N, C-alpha and C. Protein backbone atom coordinates (compact mmCIF):
# COMPACT_ATOMS: atom_id res chain seq x y z
N MET A 1 -12.32 -0.88 10.40
CA MET A 1 -11.45 -1.33 11.22
C MET A 1 -11.02 -0.69 12.22
N SER A 2 -10.74 -0.89 13.35
CA SER A 2 -10.65 -0.07 14.48
C SER A 2 -9.28 0.39 14.67
N GLY A 3 -8.37 -0.11 13.95
CA GLY A 3 -7.02 0.60 14.19
C GLY A 3 -6.15 -0.12 15.02
N LEU A 4 -6.90 -1.26 15.68
CA LEU A 4 -6.19 -1.77 16.94
C LEU A 4 -5.23 -3.15 16.21
N THR A 5 -4.44 -3.42 16.83
CA THR A 5 -3.79 -4.71 16.52
C THR A 5 -4.55 -5.72 17.28
N PRO A 6 -4.98 -6.89 16.15
CA PRO A 6 -5.68 -7.87 16.70
C PRO A 6 -4.77 -8.82 17.63
N PHE A 7 -5.65 -9.55 18.77
CA PHE A 7 -4.90 -10.16 19.73
C PHE A 7 -5.45 -11.54 19.95
N PHE A 8 -5.00 -12.57 20.35
CA PHE A 8 -5.47 -13.61 20.51
C PHE A 8 -6.17 -13.88 21.68
N GLN A 9 -7.46 -14.25 21.84
CA GLN A 9 -8.30 -14.48 22.77
C GLN A 9 -8.25 -15.75 23.55
N GLY A 10 -8.15 -16.19 24.67
CA GLY A 10 -7.98 -17.64 25.02
C GLY A 10 -9.13 -18.01 25.13
N GLU A 11 -9.75 -18.77 24.24
CA GLU A 11 -11.03 -19.32 23.98
C GLU A 11 -10.86 -21.14 23.67
N THR A 12 -11.63 -21.86 24.34
CA THR A 12 -11.51 -23.16 24.41
C THR A 12 -11.84 -23.72 22.87
N TYR A 13 -11.82 -24.71 22.52
CA TYR A 13 -12.10 -25.25 21.54
C TYR A 13 -13.61 -25.36 21.32
N PRO A 14 -14.48 -24.81 20.53
CA PRO A 14 -15.90 -25.00 20.65
C PRO A 14 -16.37 -26.54 20.68
N LEU A 15 -15.74 -27.53 20.22
CA LEU A 15 -16.24 -28.91 20.09
C LEU A 15 -16.06 -29.62 21.44
N ASP A 16 -15.21 -29.20 22.25
CA ASP A 16 -14.77 -29.94 23.59
C ASP A 16 -15.99 -29.41 24.55
N VAL A 17 -16.80 -30.60 24.82
CA VAL A 17 -17.58 -30.74 25.55
C VAL A 17 -17.49 -31.38 26.96
N PRO A 18 -17.39 -30.88 27.87
CA PRO A 18 -17.14 -31.48 29.10
C PRO A 18 -18.22 -32.73 29.47
N SER A 19 -17.67 -33.71 30.04
CA SER A 19 -18.26 -35.03 29.92
C SER A 19 -19.65 -35.03 30.87
N SER A 20 -19.68 -33.73 31.58
CA SER A 20 -20.94 -33.63 32.82
C SER A 20 -21.96 -33.16 32.16
N HIS A 21 -21.69 -32.71 30.67
CA HIS A 21 -22.94 -32.07 30.05
C HIS A 21 -23.77 -33.62 29.42
N ARG A 22 -25.23 -33.60 29.42
CA ARG A 22 -25.69 -34.59 29.04
C ARG A 22 -26.45 -34.14 27.64
N ILE A 23 -26.68 -35.23 26.95
CA ILE A 23 -27.53 -34.95 25.66
C ILE A 23 -28.91 -34.93 25.74
N MET A 24 -29.30 -33.86 25.11
CA MET A 24 -30.70 -33.65 25.27
C MET A 24 -31.37 -34.14 23.95
N THR A 25 -32.74 -34.29 24.19
CA THR A 25 -33.44 -34.54 22.83
C THR A 25 -33.53 -33.15 21.97
N ALA A 26 -34.01 -33.70 20.66
CA ALA A 26 -34.03 -32.52 19.70
C ALA A 26 -35.50 -31.55 20.23
N SER A 27 -36.47 -32.19 20.43
CA SER A 27 -37.52 -31.32 21.26
C SER A 27 -37.32 -30.63 22.33
N SER A 28 -36.67 -30.96 23.36
CA SER A 28 -36.08 -30.31 24.26
C SER A 28 -35.16 -29.04 23.87
N ALA A 29 -34.29 -29.39 23.15
CA ALA A 29 -33.38 -28.25 22.47
C ALA A 29 -34.18 -27.25 21.76
N LEU A 30 -35.04 -27.47 20.94
CA LEU A 30 -36.19 -26.77 20.38
C LEU A 30 -36.88 -25.71 21.51
N VAL A 31 -37.70 -26.24 22.31
CA VAL A 31 -38.26 -25.49 23.34
C VAL A 31 -37.17 -24.66 23.96
N LEU A 32 -36.30 -25.10 24.47
CA LEU A 32 -34.95 -24.35 25.13
C LEU A 32 -34.63 -23.37 24.24
N GLY A 33 -34.26 -23.39 23.11
CA GLY A 33 -33.80 -22.65 22.22
C GLY A 33 -34.82 -21.33 22.06
N VAL A 34 -36.36 -21.68 21.94
CA VAL A 34 -37.32 -20.95 21.75
C VAL A 34 -37.49 -20.01 22.87
N ALA A 35 -37.32 -20.53 23.98
CA ALA A 35 -37.58 -19.70 25.49
C ALA A 35 -36.19 -19.01 25.61
N VAL A 36 -35.08 -19.26 25.35
CA VAL A 36 -33.90 -18.49 25.18
C VAL A 36 -33.98 -17.20 24.31
N GLY A 37 -34.43 -17.25 23.27
CA GLY A 37 -34.49 -16.62 22.15
C GLY A 37 -35.67 -15.70 22.63
N ILE A 38 -36.63 -15.96 23.19
CA ILE A 38 -37.56 -15.10 23.49
C ILE A 38 -36.94 -14.03 24.85
N LEU A 39 -36.59 -14.63 25.67
CA LEU A 39 -36.09 -13.92 26.67
C LEU A 39 -34.78 -12.92 26.46
N THR A 40 -34.10 -13.11 25.29
CA THR A 40 -33.03 -12.60 25.12
C THR A 40 -32.99 -11.72 23.85
N ALA A 41 -34.20 -11.67 23.16
CA ALA A 41 -34.56 -10.82 22.10
C ALA A 41 -34.21 -9.49 22.09
N GLY A 42 -34.49 -9.01 23.40
CA GLY A 42 -34.35 -7.28 23.71
C GLY A 42 -33.24 -7.13 24.26
N ALA A 43 -32.35 -8.21 24.74
CA ALA A 43 -31.10 -7.90 25.54
C ALA A 43 -29.66 -7.87 24.49
N ILE A 44 -29.89 -7.14 23.39
CA ILE A 44 -28.91 -6.93 22.45
C ILE A 44 -28.28 -5.76 23.02
N THR A 45 -26.95 -5.86 23.14
CA THR A 45 -26.26 -4.62 23.70
C THR A 45 -26.14 -3.55 22.54
N ALA A 46 -25.91 -2.28 22.88
CA ALA A 46 -25.53 -1.35 21.88
C ALA A 46 -24.54 -1.45 20.69
N ALA A 47 -23.39 -2.28 21.41
CA ALA A 47 -22.35 -2.45 20.58
C ALA A 47 -22.67 -3.54 19.51
N GLU A 48 -23.48 -4.53 19.98
CA GLU A 48 -23.90 -5.76 19.05
C GLU A 48 -24.56 -5.05 18.06
N ALA A 49 -25.70 -4.07 18.43
CA ALA A 49 -26.42 -3.57 17.64
C ALA A 49 -25.94 -2.53 16.60
N SER A 50 -24.80 -2.23 16.92
CA SER A 50 -24.02 -1.08 15.87
C SER A 50 -22.84 -1.77 15.31
N THR A 51 -22.85 -2.90 15.20
CA THR A 51 -21.61 -3.80 14.66
C THR A 51 -21.95 -3.85 13.00
N PRO A 52 -21.50 -3.28 12.16
CA PRO A 52 -21.85 -3.40 10.70
C PRO A 52 -21.48 -4.82 10.47
N TYR A 53 -22.23 -4.99 9.14
CA TYR A 53 -22.12 -6.46 8.69
C TYR A 53 -20.89 -6.72 8.22
N ASP A 54 -20.01 -6.05 7.70
CA ASP A 54 -18.56 -6.26 6.89
C ASP A 54 -17.59 -5.78 8.16
N ALA A 55 -18.04 -5.73 9.34
CA ALA A 55 -16.97 -5.73 10.50
C ALA A 55 -15.78 -6.43 10.24
N ALA A 56 -14.83 -5.87 10.48
CA ALA A 56 -13.34 -6.73 10.66
C ALA A 56 -13.62 -8.04 11.27
N PRO A 57 -12.87 -9.05 11.12
CA PRO A 57 -13.10 -10.34 11.75
C PRO A 57 -12.42 -10.26 13.22
N ARG A 58 -12.97 -11.16 14.09
CA ARG A 58 -12.12 -11.29 15.42
C ARG A 58 -11.29 -12.55 15.17
N ILE A 59 -10.04 -12.11 15.81
CA ILE A 59 -9.36 -13.36 15.74
C ILE A 59 -9.22 -14.11 17.08
N VAL A 60 -9.11 -15.25 17.14
CA VAL A 60 -9.45 -16.20 18.21
C VAL A 60 -8.57 -17.30 18.10
N ARG A 61 -8.17 -18.11 19.08
CA ARG A 61 -7.30 -19.13 19.27
C ARG A 61 -8.05 -20.38 19.59
N TYR A 62 -7.83 -21.53 18.81
CA TYR A 62 -8.58 -22.91 18.96
C TYR A 62 -7.41 -23.71 19.03
N SER A 63 -7.32 -24.45 20.32
CA SER A 63 -6.46 -25.55 20.11
C SER A 63 -4.87 -25.20 19.73
N SER A 64 -4.37 -24.24 19.85
CA SER A 64 -3.08 -23.89 19.46
C SER A 64 -3.14 -23.67 17.98
N ALA A 65 -4.07 -23.16 17.43
CA ALA A 65 -4.36 -23.17 15.81
C ALA A 65 -4.85 -21.45 15.81
N THR A 66 -4.78 -20.82 15.00
CA THR A 66 -5.72 -19.68 14.92
C THR A 66 -6.56 -19.59 13.97
N SER A 67 -7.82 -18.98 13.98
CA SER A 67 -8.77 -18.90 13.13
C SER A 67 -9.61 -17.57 13.17
N THR A 68 -10.15 -17.26 11.79
CA THR A 68 -10.85 -15.90 11.99
C THR A 68 -12.40 -16.47 12.04
N ASP A 69 -13.22 -15.55 12.87
CA ASP A 69 -14.51 -15.59 13.22
C ASP A 69 -14.91 -14.50 12.09
N GLY A 70 -15.00 -14.65 10.83
CA GLY A 70 -15.33 -13.68 9.93
C GLY A 70 -16.58 -14.26 9.11
N TYR A 71 -16.85 -13.22 8.15
CA TYR A 71 -17.64 -13.74 7.37
C TYR A 71 -17.19 -14.52 5.80
N LEU A 72 -18.17 -14.89 5.30
CA LEU A 72 -17.69 -16.10 4.37
C LEU A 72 -17.41 -14.75 2.99
N THR A 73 -17.92 -13.92 2.89
CA THR A 73 -18.02 -12.68 1.71
C THR A 73 -16.47 -12.09 2.08
N ASP A 74 -16.04 -11.77 3.13
CA ASP A 74 -14.53 -11.39 3.70
C ASP A 74 -13.58 -12.28 3.15
N LEU A 75 -13.88 -13.72 3.49
CA LEU A 75 -12.81 -14.66 2.99
C LEU A 75 -12.69 -14.82 1.75
N LEU A 76 -14.07 -14.65 0.99
CA LEU A 76 -13.78 -14.84 -0.54
C LEU A 76 -12.82 -13.42 -0.92
N ARG A 77 -13.16 -12.27 -0.47
CA ARG A 77 -12.67 -11.19 -0.67
C ARG A 77 -11.04 -11.40 -0.68
N ARG A 78 -10.83 -11.74 0.42
CA ARG A 78 -9.34 -12.00 0.95
C ARG A 78 -8.71 -12.83 -0.24
N ALA A 79 -9.23 -13.90 -0.54
CA ALA A 79 -8.92 -15.10 -1.51
C ALA A 79 -8.52 -14.38 -2.88
N ALA A 80 -9.55 -13.43 -3.25
CA ALA A 80 -9.47 -12.72 -4.77
C ALA A 80 -8.26 -11.77 -4.62
N PHE A 81 -8.21 -11.31 -3.38
CA PHE A 81 -6.90 -10.27 -3.30
C PHE A 81 -5.53 -11.09 -3.39
N VAL A 82 -5.51 -12.35 -2.83
CA VAL A 82 -4.37 -13.13 -2.98
C VAL A 82 -4.14 -13.56 -4.12
N ASN A 83 -5.33 -13.69 -5.01
CA ASN A 83 -5.05 -14.05 -6.23
C ASN A 83 -4.36 -13.04 -7.52
N VAL A 84 -4.82 -11.88 -6.96
CA VAL A 84 -4.18 -10.57 -7.74
C VAL A 84 -2.76 -10.72 -7.00
N TYR A 85 -2.39 -10.56 -5.68
CA TYR A 85 -1.37 -10.53 -5.35
C TYR A 85 -0.20 -11.82 -5.95
N ASP A 86 -0.74 -12.95 -6.25
CA ASP A 86 -0.15 -13.96 -6.84
C ASP A 86 0.36 -13.64 -8.25
N ALA A 87 -0.46 -12.93 -8.92
CA ALA A 87 -0.33 -12.54 -10.38
C ALA A 87 0.53 -11.59 -10.55
N ILE A 88 0.98 -10.69 -9.44
CA ILE A 88 1.86 -9.67 -9.35
C ILE A 88 3.08 -10.50 -9.15
N GLU A 89 3.34 -11.63 -8.12
CA GLU A 89 4.33 -12.37 -8.06
C GLU A 89 4.87 -13.23 -9.63
N THR A 90 3.78 -13.62 -10.11
CA THR A 90 4.11 -14.25 -11.53
C THR A 90 4.85 -13.46 -12.38
N MET A 91 4.14 -12.42 -12.65
CA MET A 91 4.89 -11.26 -13.69
C MET A 91 6.03 -10.97 -13.12
N ALA A 92 6.54 -10.89 -11.74
CA ALA A 92 7.97 -10.37 -11.15
C ALA A 92 8.80 -11.44 -11.61
N ALA A 93 8.40 -12.81 -11.54
CA ALA A 93 9.21 -13.76 -11.80
C ALA A 93 9.23 -14.49 -13.19
N LEU A 94 8.96 -13.72 -14.24
CA LEU A 94 8.70 -14.05 -15.65
C LEU A 94 10.32 -13.56 -15.98
N PRO A 95 10.63 -13.96 -17.11
CA PRO A 95 12.12 -13.68 -17.52
C PRO A 95 11.92 -12.31 -18.18
N VAL A 96 13.20 -11.86 -17.97
CA VAL A 96 13.19 -10.24 -18.61
C VAL A 96 12.77 -10.01 -19.77
N ASP A 97 12.93 -10.83 -20.79
CA ASP A 97 12.58 -10.57 -22.11
C ASP A 97 11.14 -10.98 -22.26
N GLU A 98 10.09 -11.26 -21.58
CA GLU A 98 8.91 -11.45 -21.75
C GLU A 98 7.99 -10.28 -21.54
N ASP A 99 6.92 -10.11 -22.27
CA ASP A 99 6.15 -8.93 -22.31
C ASP A 99 5.49 -8.62 -21.18
N TYR A 100 5.13 -9.36 -20.28
CA TYR A 100 4.68 -9.15 -19.06
C TYR A 100 5.47 -9.12 -17.85
N HIS A 101 6.71 -9.11 -17.95
CA HIS A 101 7.50 -8.74 -16.83
C HIS A 101 7.61 -7.57 -15.93
N ILE A 102 7.57 -7.64 -14.88
CA ILE A 102 7.98 -6.42 -14.15
C ILE A 102 9.21 -6.58 -13.24
N ASN A 103 9.74 -5.31 -12.95
CA ASN A 103 10.89 -5.68 -12.23
C ASN A 103 10.64 -5.41 -10.57
N ALA A 104 11.52 -6.10 -9.82
CA ALA A 104 11.32 -6.12 -8.50
C ALA A 104 10.74 -5.08 -7.64
N ALA A 105 11.37 -3.84 -8.13
CA ALA A 105 10.97 -2.40 -7.50
C ALA A 105 9.32 -2.15 -7.81
N THR A 106 9.07 -2.42 -8.99
CA THR A 106 7.74 -2.10 -9.60
C THR A 106 6.56 -3.23 -8.87
N ALA A 107 7.14 -4.54 -8.36
CA ALA A 107 6.11 -5.38 -8.04
C ALA A 107 6.17 -5.11 -6.40
N GLU A 108 7.13 -4.70 -5.79
CA GLU A 108 6.90 -4.24 -4.29
C GLU A 108 5.76 -3.09 -4.48
N GLU A 109 6.11 -2.03 -5.22
CA GLU A 109 4.96 -0.87 -5.32
C GLU A 109 3.56 -1.44 -5.36
N ALA A 110 3.39 -2.38 -6.32
CA ALA A 110 2.28 -3.00 -6.83
C ALA A 110 1.61 -3.80 -5.51
N HIS A 111 2.39 -4.54 -4.89
CA HIS A 111 2.15 -5.01 -3.75
C HIS A 111 1.51 -4.11 -2.40
N PHE A 112 2.06 -2.82 -2.33
CA PHE A 112 1.75 -2.03 -1.71
C PHE A 112 0.51 -1.06 -1.82
N THR A 113 0.32 -0.97 -3.17
CA THR A 113 -1.00 -0.41 -3.86
C THR A 113 -2.10 -1.34 -3.28
N LEU A 114 -1.88 -2.84 -3.60
CA LEU A 114 -2.80 -3.53 -3.75
C LEU A 114 -3.32 -3.80 -1.94
N SER A 115 -2.38 -3.63 -1.21
CA SER A 115 -2.55 -3.84 0.21
C SER A 115 -3.33 -2.60 0.81
N LEU A 116 -3.03 -1.35 -0.09
CA LEU A 116 -4.00 -0.18 0.33
C LEU A 116 -5.40 -0.24 -0.16
N LEU A 117 -5.64 -0.94 -1.50
CA LEU A 117 -6.92 -1.31 -1.88
C LEU A 117 -7.60 -2.04 -1.00
N TYR A 118 -6.89 -3.23 -0.35
CA TYR A 118 -7.73 -4.20 0.30
C TYR A 118 -8.06 -3.42 1.74
N ILE A 119 -7.16 -2.74 2.24
CA ILE A 119 -7.46 -1.69 3.61
C ILE A 119 -8.46 -0.74 3.37
N MET A 120 -8.48 -0.14 2.54
CA MET A 120 -9.47 0.79 1.99
C MET A 120 -10.88 0.20 1.64
N GLY A 121 -11.07 -1.07 1.46
CA GLY A 121 -12.28 -1.71 1.30
C GLY A 121 -12.70 -1.63 -0.51
N ILE A 122 -11.73 -1.38 -0.95
CA ILE A 122 -11.96 -1.23 -2.41
C ILE A 122 -12.44 -2.61 -3.08
N GLY A 123 -13.31 -2.73 -4.03
CA GLY A 123 -13.41 -3.84 -4.84
C GLY A 123 -12.19 -4.58 -5.80
N VAL A 124 -11.93 -5.85 -5.63
CA VAL A 124 -11.05 -6.56 -6.08
C VAL A 124 -10.62 -6.23 -7.59
N PRO A 125 -9.57 -5.53 -8.14
CA PRO A 125 -9.30 -5.30 -9.41
C PRO A 125 -8.55 -6.24 -10.22
N LYS A 126 -8.38 -5.93 -11.53
CA LYS A 126 -7.77 -6.87 -12.33
C LYS A 126 -6.42 -6.22 -12.38
N VAL A 127 -5.13 -7.02 -12.92
CA VAL A 127 -3.89 -6.47 -12.66
C VAL A 127 -3.31 -6.90 -14.06
N PHE A 128 -2.41 -5.77 -14.69
CA PHE A 128 -1.73 -6.43 -15.90
C PHE A 128 -0.59 -5.30 -15.97
N SER A 129 0.43 -5.46 -16.64
CA SER A 129 1.67 -4.62 -16.87
C SER A 129 1.65 -3.62 -18.07
N HIS A 130 2.21 -2.54 -17.86
CA HIS A 130 2.38 -1.88 -19.14
C HIS A 130 3.80 -2.34 -19.63
N ASP A 131 4.74 -2.19 -18.76
CA ASP A 131 6.10 -2.38 -19.25
C ASP A 131 6.69 -3.08 -17.91
N SER A 132 8.01 -3.15 -17.90
CA SER A 132 8.65 -3.65 -16.75
C SER A 132 8.82 -2.86 -15.57
N GLU A 133 8.23 -1.21 -15.81
CA GLU A 133 8.07 -0.52 -14.66
C GLU A 133 6.79 0.14 -14.25
N SER A 134 5.72 -0.51 -15.13
CA SER A 134 4.32 -0.13 -14.38
C SER A 134 3.34 -1.27 -14.53
N VAL A 135 2.69 -1.08 -13.37
CA VAL A 135 1.63 -1.94 -13.17
C VAL A 135 0.02 -1.35 -13.18
N THR A 136 -1.05 -2.00 -13.60
CA THR A 136 -2.20 -1.24 -13.72
C THR A 136 -3.38 -2.17 -13.07
N PHE A 137 -3.95 -1.53 -12.38
CA PHE A 137 -5.01 -1.94 -11.55
C PHE A 137 -6.26 -1.37 -12.27
N SER A 138 -7.21 -2.16 -12.66
CA SER A 138 -8.60 -2.03 -13.41
C SER A 138 -9.84 -2.62 -12.87
N TRP A 139 -10.66 -1.62 -13.09
CA TRP A 139 -12.24 -2.04 -12.82
C TRP A 139 -12.93 -1.43 -14.04
N ALA A 140 -14.18 -2.42 -14.12
CA ALA A 140 -15.18 -2.07 -15.39
C ALA A 140 -16.39 -1.81 -14.92
N ARG A 141 -17.05 -1.08 -15.47
CA ARG A 141 -18.42 -0.81 -15.21
C ARG A 141 -19.02 -0.49 -16.69
N GLY A 142 -19.60 -1.68 -17.35
CA GLY A 142 -20.16 -1.68 -18.57
C GLY A 142 -19.09 -1.51 -19.25
N SER A 143 -19.36 -0.55 -20.44
CA SER A 143 -17.96 -0.16 -21.08
C SER A 143 -17.20 0.56 -20.56
N ASP A 144 -17.27 1.49 -19.56
CA ASP A 144 -16.53 2.39 -18.73
C ASP A 144 -15.20 1.57 -18.06
N ARG A 145 -14.26 1.94 -18.06
CA ARG A 145 -12.95 1.52 -17.42
C ARG A 145 -12.55 2.76 -16.35
N GLN A 146 -11.76 2.08 -15.16
CA GLN A 146 -11.08 2.97 -14.26
C GLN A 146 -9.75 2.11 -14.18
N TYR A 147 -8.73 2.85 -14.20
CA TYR A 147 -7.31 2.48 -14.01
C TYR A 147 -6.33 3.23 -13.05
N ILE A 148 -5.74 2.36 -12.24
CA ILE A 148 -4.68 3.08 -11.34
C ILE A 148 -3.26 2.43 -11.82
N THR A 149 -2.71 3.27 -12.45
CA THR A 149 -1.39 2.76 -12.79
C THR A 149 -0.25 3.32 -11.77
N VAL A 150 0.38 2.26 -11.43
CA VAL A 150 1.45 2.58 -10.62
C VAL A 150 2.80 2.46 -11.04
N SER A 151 3.70 3.51 -11.06
CA SER A 151 4.97 3.58 -11.71
C SER A 151 6.00 4.42 -11.34
N GLU A 152 7.18 4.42 -10.63
CA GLU A 152 8.07 4.93 -10.00
C GLU A 152 7.73 5.49 -8.66
N GLY A 153 6.70 5.01 -7.75
CA GLY A 153 6.36 5.44 -6.42
C GLY A 153 5.35 6.40 -6.85
N VAL A 154 4.60 6.55 -7.94
CA VAL A 154 3.48 7.43 -8.25
C VAL A 154 2.25 6.79 -8.88
N ALA A 155 0.93 6.61 -8.09
CA ALA A 155 -0.04 6.26 -8.57
C ALA A 155 -0.74 7.23 -9.09
N SER A 156 -1.54 6.90 -10.68
CA SER A 156 -2.40 7.57 -11.25
C SER A 156 -3.88 7.18 -11.54
N LEU A 157 -4.74 7.78 -11.48
CA LEU A 157 -6.14 7.24 -11.44
C LEU A 157 -6.54 7.72 -12.95
N LEU A 158 -7.11 6.94 -13.77
CA LEU A 158 -7.48 7.35 -15.14
C LEU A 158 -8.77 6.78 -15.37
N ARG A 159 -9.89 7.37 -15.92
CA ARG A 159 -11.03 7.14 -16.17
C ARG A 159 -11.31 6.97 -17.61
N THR A 160 -11.98 6.02 -18.40
CA THR A 160 -12.25 5.92 -19.93
C THR A 160 -13.71 5.73 -20.12
N SER A 161 -14.01 6.15 -21.18
CA SER A 161 -15.37 5.41 -21.71
C SER A 161 -15.20 5.77 -23.19
N SER A 162 -16.49 5.47 -23.82
CA SER A 162 -16.38 5.33 -25.02
C SER A 162 -16.33 6.70 -25.99
N THR A 163 -16.42 7.47 -25.04
CA THR A 163 -16.01 9.03 -25.66
C THR A 163 -15.32 9.72 -24.92
N THR A 164 -14.67 9.28 -23.84
CA THR A 164 -13.76 10.30 -23.19
C THR A 164 -12.65 9.42 -22.49
N SER A 165 -11.76 10.23 -22.27
CA SER A 165 -10.54 9.34 -21.28
C SER A 165 -9.87 10.39 -20.55
N GLU A 166 -10.09 10.38 -19.08
CA GLU A 166 -9.40 11.63 -18.44
C GLU A 166 -8.69 11.23 -17.10
N ILE A 167 -7.17 12.01 -16.78
CA ILE A 167 -6.64 11.49 -15.77
C ILE A 167 -7.39 12.45 -14.43
N LEU A 168 -7.68 11.66 -13.37
CA LEU A 168 -8.63 12.21 -12.47
C LEU A 168 -7.62 12.51 -11.61
N ASP A 169 -6.62 11.85 -11.31
CA ASP A 169 -5.93 12.37 -9.81
C ASP A 169 -4.53 11.62 -9.90
N HIS A 170 -3.32 11.84 -9.33
CA HIS A 170 -2.23 11.01 -9.03
C HIS A 170 -1.47 11.55 -7.72
N SER A 171 -0.75 10.56 -7.50
CA SER A 171 -0.39 10.86 -5.83
C SER A 171 0.84 10.15 -5.78
N SER A 172 2.01 10.39 -4.82
CA SER A 172 3.05 9.48 -4.51
C SER A 172 2.21 8.47 -3.54
N LEU A 173 2.93 7.46 -3.49
CA LEU A 173 2.32 6.28 -2.86
C LEU A 173 2.43 6.32 -1.30
N HIS A 174 3.62 7.09 -1.01
CA HIS A 174 3.85 7.21 0.52
C HIS A 174 3.37 8.68 0.99
N GLU A 175 2.51 9.16 0.31
CA GLU A 175 1.83 10.75 0.76
C GLU A 175 0.70 10.31 1.40
N PRO A 176 0.10 11.33 2.18
CA PRO A 176 -1.06 10.94 2.52
C PRO A 176 -2.34 11.36 1.45
N SER A 177 -1.79 12.19 0.23
CA SER A 177 -3.01 12.36 -0.58
C SER A 177 -3.39 11.04 -1.48
N ILE A 178 -2.73 9.79 -1.01
CA ILE A 178 -3.04 8.73 -1.66
C ILE A 178 -4.45 8.11 -1.38
N VAL A 179 -4.90 8.52 -0.01
CA VAL A 179 -5.98 8.31 0.47
C VAL A 179 -7.02 8.76 -0.29
N GLY A 180 -7.15 9.79 -0.52
CA GLY A 180 -7.94 10.73 -1.41
C GLY A 180 -8.21 9.88 -2.87
N LEU A 181 -7.25 9.85 -3.36
CA LEU A 181 -7.19 9.14 -4.73
C LEU A 181 -7.90 7.64 -4.65
N LEU A 182 -7.39 6.96 -3.51
CA LEU A 182 -8.09 5.70 -3.53
C LEU A 182 -9.43 5.87 -3.24
N LYS A 183 -9.90 7.01 -2.14
CA LYS A 183 -11.36 7.19 -2.19
C LYS A 183 -12.22 7.39 -3.61
N VAL A 184 -11.52 8.25 -4.04
CA VAL A 184 -12.14 8.43 -5.79
C VAL A 184 -12.33 7.14 -6.31
N ALA A 185 -11.27 6.16 -6.20
CA ALA A 185 -11.29 4.89 -6.76
C ALA A 185 -12.45 3.90 -6.26
N GLY A 186 -12.46 4.01 -5.29
CA GLY A 186 -13.43 2.95 -4.41
C GLY A 186 -14.87 3.44 -4.86
N GLN A 187 -15.21 4.72 -5.37
CA GLN A 187 -16.63 5.22 -5.54
C GLN A 187 -16.89 4.52 -6.74
N TYR A 188 -16.18 4.32 -7.61
CA TYR A 188 -16.16 3.58 -8.87
C TYR A 188 -16.01 2.17 -8.81
N GLY A 189 -15.06 1.85 -8.36
CA GLY A 189 -14.63 0.26 -8.38
C GLY A 189 -15.19 -0.60 -7.54
N GLY A 190 -16.04 0.23 -6.29
CA GLY A 190 -16.93 -0.75 -5.57
C GLY A 190 -16.30 -0.53 -4.21
N PHE A 191 -16.96 -0.85 -2.99
CA PHE A 191 -16.28 -1.07 -1.63
C PHE A 191 -16.77 -2.11 -1.05
N GLY A 192 -16.11 -2.61 0.11
CA GLY A 192 -16.75 -3.96 0.97
C GLY A 192 -17.00 -5.18 0.37
N THR A 193 -17.87 -5.72 0.16
CA THR A 193 -18.07 -6.98 -0.04
C THR A 193 -17.87 -7.45 -1.50
N ASP A 194 -17.60 -6.25 -2.28
CA ASP A 194 -17.54 -6.87 -3.72
C ASP A 194 -16.34 -7.41 -4.24
N PHE A 195 -16.27 -8.94 -3.91
CA PHE A 195 -15.14 -9.62 -4.22
C PHE A 195 -15.06 -10.03 -5.45
N VAL A 196 -15.95 -9.98 -6.34
CA VAL A 196 -15.81 -10.66 -7.37
C VAL A 196 -15.14 -9.86 -8.77
N ARG A 197 -14.24 -10.61 -9.38
CA ARG A 197 -13.51 -9.48 -10.15
C ARG A 197 -14.36 -9.14 -11.37
N GLN A 198 -14.41 -8.07 -11.91
CA GLN A 198 -15.41 -7.41 -12.87
C GLN A 198 -14.80 -8.00 -14.24
N GLN A 199 -15.50 -7.86 -15.30
CA GLN A 199 -15.03 -8.26 -16.49
C GLN A 199 -15.20 -7.08 -17.43
């Protein structure tokens, strides 16, 4: 991500074709397309060539509505993160006497952590609560598991396997060291377009 705030570009709706354009035959379109493709094959700019596949989508404006010009995998990843966000909301809305209930402060910390996971490009986690004051995000790799537990403003990173269990790191959610913790988590949990929840 570039760190710049997205802005709306004044583009026209792509299906608005001025009436002065004529409809051409399919064979004419094919010949024209091949010719344009040959002429422009080497005309790719350096910026276009260096744009990664998972680059942040460009926000554009179409007929007073907004849309993202992104990739399907990014849209699916966003949807999966929204599902995790909704699960946190559901846990916060449960009655206090329910086992999976979390309090409002814990839900806010979990939302904040989930946002950081999304921004850092880390794979979509599963989520569950330990008690009303902690939420855990988890990823699986075979029989091994990785957990980030958020409780009272602190995130703790834990890895377990069939033979070992170790706490790798912990950090306050609002300290710069949280970035290092999330990078370690991302090496295990997956980066980028890994939007499918792991079992």
